[in-house]
Protein backbone atom coordinates (compact mmCIF):
# COMPACT_ATOMS: atom_id res chain seq x y z
CA MET A 1 58.42 3.70 -8.78
CA ARG A 2 56.05 1.45 -6.99
CA LEU A 3 52.53 2.46 -5.92
CA THR A 4 51.63 2.03 -2.28
CA ALA A 5 49.24 -0.96 -1.41
CA PHE A 6 46.56 1.64 -0.56
CA THR A 7 46.61 2.91 -4.16
CA ASP A 8 46.77 -0.51 -5.54
CA ILE A 9 43.56 -1.63 -3.57
CA SER A 10 41.87 1.53 -4.48
CA LEU A 11 42.53 1.09 -8.19
CA ARG A 12 41.16 -2.67 -7.96
CA ILE A 13 37.99 -1.50 -6.13
CA VAL A 14 37.39 1.30 -8.77
CA MET A 15 37.92 -1.08 -11.77
CA ARG A 16 35.43 -3.56 -10.30
CA LEU A 17 32.86 -1.06 -9.78
CA ALA A 18 33.47 0.27 -13.22
CA VAL A 19 32.06 -3.02 -14.72
CA ALA A 20 29.17 -3.29 -12.46
CA HIS A 21 25.72 -2.89 -14.03
CA ARG A 22 24.14 0.52 -13.38
CA ASP A 23 21.65 -1.04 -10.96
CA GLU A 24 24.16 -3.51 -9.21
CA LEU A 25 25.14 -2.30 -5.68
CA LEU A 26 28.12 -4.18 -4.23
CA THR A 27 29.08 -3.93 -0.60
CA THR A 28 32.57 -3.12 0.54
CA ARG A 29 32.79 -6.61 2.03
CA VAL A 30 31.98 -8.26 -1.33
CA VAL A 31 34.11 -6.02 -3.37
CA ALA A 32 37.09 -6.73 -0.77
CA ASP A 33 36.64 -10.63 -1.23
CA MET A 34 36.41 -10.21 -5.04
CA VAL A 35 39.52 -8.22 -5.32
CA ALA A 36 41.27 -10.23 -2.58
CA VAL A 37 42.08 -7.61 0.00
CA PRO A 38 41.30 -7.37 3.73
CA TYR A 39 37.86 -5.74 4.41
CA SER A 40 39.50 -3.21 6.80
CA HIS A 41 41.75 -2.05 3.95
CA ALA A 42 39.07 -1.84 1.48
CA ALA A 43 36.92 0.09 3.82
CA LYS A 44 39.67 2.72 4.19
CA ALA A 45 39.99 2.90 0.45
CA VAL A 46 36.24 3.26 -0.12
CA ALA A 47 36.02 5.96 2.23
CA ARG A 48 38.90 7.86 0.51
CA LEU A 49 37.36 7.17 -2.91
CA SER A 50 34.15 8.57 -1.61
CA GLU A 51 35.79 11.82 -0.30
CA LEU A 52 37.32 12.21 -3.92
CA GLY A 53 33.79 11.82 -5.33
CA LEU A 54 34.78 8.80 -7.38
CA VAL A 55 32.67 6.24 -5.47
CA GLU A 56 29.13 6.66 -4.06
CA ALA A 57 28.80 4.65 -0.88
CA ARG A 58 25.29 4.21 0.36
CA ARG A 59 24.76 2.64 3.86
CA GLY A 60 21.88 0.52 5.22
CA ARG A 61 19.60 -1.88 3.65
CA GLY A 62 19.55 -1.50 0.01
CA GLY A 63 23.00 0.32 0.17
CA GLY A 64 26.28 -0.49 -1.59
CA LEU A 65 28.79 1.06 -3.76
CA GLN A 66 28.59 2.55 -7.18
CA LEU A 67 31.31 4.29 -9.29
CA THR A 68 30.16 7.89 -10.00
CA GLU A 69 30.39 9.44 -13.54
CA ARG A 70 33.27 11.36 -12.38
CA GLY A 71 34.88 8.09 -11.35
CA ARG A 72 34.29 6.53 -14.68
CA ALA A 73 35.62 9.61 -16.49
CA ALA A 74 38.65 10.10 -14.19
CA SER A 75 42.16 9.65 -15.50
CA VAL A 76 44.33 6.92 -13.71
CA GLY A 77 46.92 9.84 -13.18
CA GLU A 78 44.46 11.93 -11.37
CA VAL A 79 43.41 8.98 -9.22
CA VAL A 80 46.91 7.88 -8.38
CA ARG A 81 47.98 11.64 -7.67
CA SER A 82 45.06 11.88 -5.22
CA LEU A 83 45.93 8.68 -3.53
CA GLU A 84 49.67 8.61 -3.36
CA VAL A 85 51.57 10.47 -0.69
CA ALA A 86 53.14 13.63 -2.09
CA GLY A 87 56.92 13.74 -1.98
CA ASP A 88 60.19 12.68 -3.49
CA VAL A 89 60.88 9.29 -4.82
CA VAL A 90 63.96 9.05 -2.66
CA GLY A 91 64.41 10.11 0.99
CA CYS A 92 66.75 13.05 0.75
CA GLU A 93 65.50 14.52 3.98
CA ASP A 94 65.20 11.14 5.86
CA ASP A 95 66.99 10.79 9.10
CA PRO A 96 69.93 10.81 8.70
CA PRO A 97 69.53 13.23 5.60
CA CYS A 98 71.48 12.68 2.61
CA PRO A 99 74.85 14.41 2.63
CA LEU A 100 74.68 15.21 -1.10
CA ARG A 101 71.26 16.85 -0.93
CA ALA A 102 72.56 20.55 -1.38
CA ALA A 103 74.33 19.72 -4.66
CA CYS A 104 72.47 16.68 -5.90
CA ARG A 105 70.97 16.47 -9.24
CA LEU A 106 69.48 13.13 -8.80
CA ARG A 107 66.46 14.56 -6.87
CA ALA A 108 65.39 16.69 -9.82
CA ALA A 109 65.81 13.97 -12.47
CA LEU A 110 63.75 11.65 -10.21
CA ARG A 111 61.16 14.33 -9.64
CA GLN A 112 61.03 14.76 -13.52
CA ALA A 113 60.62 10.97 -14.12
CA GLN A 114 57.93 10.76 -11.50
CA GLU A 115 55.86 13.59 -13.12
CA ALA A 116 56.41 11.69 -16.59
CA PHE A 117 55.10 8.45 -14.83
CA TYR A 118 51.92 10.40 -13.87
CA ALA A 119 51.51 12.30 -17.11
CA SER A 120 51.65 8.81 -18.89
CA LEU A 121 48.70 7.76 -16.66
CA ASP A 122 46.79 10.85 -17.30
CA THR A 123 45.90 9.56 -20.91
CA VAL A 124 44.25 6.52 -19.36
CA THR A 125 40.75 6.73 -18.01
CA ILE A 126 39.27 4.41 -15.49
CA ALA A 127 36.63 3.45 -18.22
CA SER A 128 39.39 2.42 -20.46
CA LEU A 129 40.94 0.22 -18.10
CA VAL A 130 38.05 -2.00 -18.05
CA ALA A 131 37.87 -2.73 -21.84
CA SER A 132 38.37 -6.37 -22.85
CA PRO A 133 39.83 -8.40 -21.72
CA THR A 134 39.96 -6.76 -18.30
CA GLY A 135 36.27 -6.11 -17.90
CA PRO A 136 35.26 -9.74 -18.49
CA ALA A 137 37.95 -10.94 -16.04
CA LEU A 138 36.62 -8.51 -13.48
CA LEU A 139 33.04 -9.80 -14.00
CA SER A 140 34.21 -13.35 -13.47
CA LEU A 141 35.74 -12.73 -10.02
CA PRO A 142 33.91 -14.94 -7.53
CA SER A 143 31.61 -13.43 -5.12
CA PRO A 144 31.39 -14.70 -1.79
CA GLU A 145 28.56 -16.86 -0.82
């Protein structure tokens, strides 16, 4: 299973914000540059993370991004489920639909594997993701000048 680029970008942003000092506010542009993603993609990810209550985004002078307590305590499984498009791993109903879909056992097995994937991520929190050596690596990401 492969996560979408949107989920990948969102997780990178959340991880960088998780190591920010409590009074440090980073702009979307700065975080986008730090985690090497286009600003437009980062802005969409930040908007969704804000909707989910994981990131607080303040506008204007003195504004910026901060990870919320909910974001810090969230499980990676919860975040990924919220960001990924719900659906099957394979396209049984694509055009044209799979001719085996009425009698196929693969779909159920893949759905079970997908849930096991998410369940394994449920045991990992955002805060635990940024423990050493990841946290120091995130802090060393270059800031645009």
